[in-house]
Amino acid sequence: MDFLNKRFRIGKCCIKDCKSFELDPDLISHFSFPKDPSRCAVWMDNVKLCHLNNVDIVTLNKKYRL
């Protein structure tokens, strides 16, 4: 179980100035971006993350969390 915690632990949310790292990690849930291009576009539009506009969907899904 310790292996899974180390492998899948997310250090920080991709939203600027998010304070989730200051809270207990057991109380926080981070979500990956959807793999579906149309759903991912809706998420990007809703959260207004300009710094991620040029990142492809596969990378968003694998490396970035909200």
Protein backbone atom coordinates (compact mmCIF):
# COMPACT_ATOMS: atom_id res chain seq x y z
CA MET A 1 0.00 0.00 0.00
CA ASP A 2 2.85 2.39 0.76
CA PHE A 3 4.11 1.86 -2.81
CA LEU A 4 0.78 3.03 -4.23
CA ASN A 5 0.72 6.13 -2.03
CA LYS A 6 4.18 7.18 -3.20
CA ARG A 7 3.52 6.41 -6.86
CA PHE A 8 0.17 8.14 -7.23
CA ARG A 9 0.51 11.02 -4.77
CA ILE A 10 -0.08 14.36 -6.41
CA GLY A 11 2.05 17.15 -5.02
CA LYS A 12 0.09 20.15 -6.17
CA CYS A 13 -3.00 21.20 -8.01
CA CYS A 14 -2.40 22.87 -11.41
CA ILE A 15 -4.61 25.85 -10.52
CA LYS A 16 -2.54 28.91 -9.62
CA ASP A 17 -2.55 29.78 -5.92
CA CYS A 18 -4.38 26.58 -4.93
CA LYS A 19 -3.78 25.84 -1.26
CA SER A 20 -4.58 22.12 -1.38
CA PHE A 21 -0.97 21.25 -0.52
CA GLU A 22 -1.46 22.89 2.90
CA LEU A 23 -4.27 20.50 3.83
CA ASP A 24 -4.22 16.89 4.96
CA PRO A 25 -3.67 14.76 1.79
CA ASP A 26 -6.15 12.18 3.10
CA LEU A 27 -8.91 14.81 2.94
CA ILE A 28 -8.17 16.02 -0.60
CA SER A 29 -9.24 14.48 -3.89
CA HIS A 30 -7.54 15.58 -7.09
CA PHE A 31 -9.03 14.81 -10.47
CA SER A 32 -7.26 14.18 -13.75
CA PHE A 33 -8.37 15.89 -16.92
CA PRO A 34 -10.74 13.82 -19.08
CA LYS A 35 -9.31 11.83 -21.99
CA ASP A 36 -12.27 12.76 -24.18
CA PRO A 37 -11.31 15.89 -26.21
CA SER A 38 -14.72 17.57 -26.00
CA ARG A 39 -15.00 17.05 -22.24
CA CYS A 40 -11.44 18.21 -21.73
CA ALA A 41 -12.19 21.39 -23.70
CA VAL A 42 -15.16 22.10 -21.42
CA TRP A 43 -12.97 21.64 -18.34
CA MET A 44 -10.29 23.95 -19.76
CA ASP A 45 -12.90 26.59 -20.57
CA ASN A 46 -14.43 26.38 -17.10
CA VAL A 47 -11.21 26.60 -15.09
CA LYS A 48 -9.53 29.25 -17.30
CA LEU A 49 -6.03 27.76 -17.22
CA CYS A 50 -4.28 29.80 -19.92
CA HIS A 51 -0.87 28.34 -19.07
CA LEU A 52 -2.11 24.89 -20.16
CA ASN A 53 -3.73 25.87 -23.47
CA ASN A 54 -0.86 24.43 -25.54
CA VAL A 55 -0.59 21.15 -23.63
CA ASP A 56 -1.98 18.12 -25.45
CA ILE A 57 -4.85 16.10 -23.94
CA VAL A 58 -2.76 13.00 -23.22
CA THR A 59 -0.26 15.05 -21.20
CA LEU A 60 -3.05 16.90 -19.39
CA ASN A 61 -4.60 13.59 -18.39
CA LYS A 62 -1.34 12.00 -17.22
CA LYS A 63 0.47 14.88 -15.53
CA TYR A 64 -1.98 17.54 -14.37
CA ARG A 65 -4.60 17.40 -11.63
CA LEU A 66 -7.33 19.66 -10.35
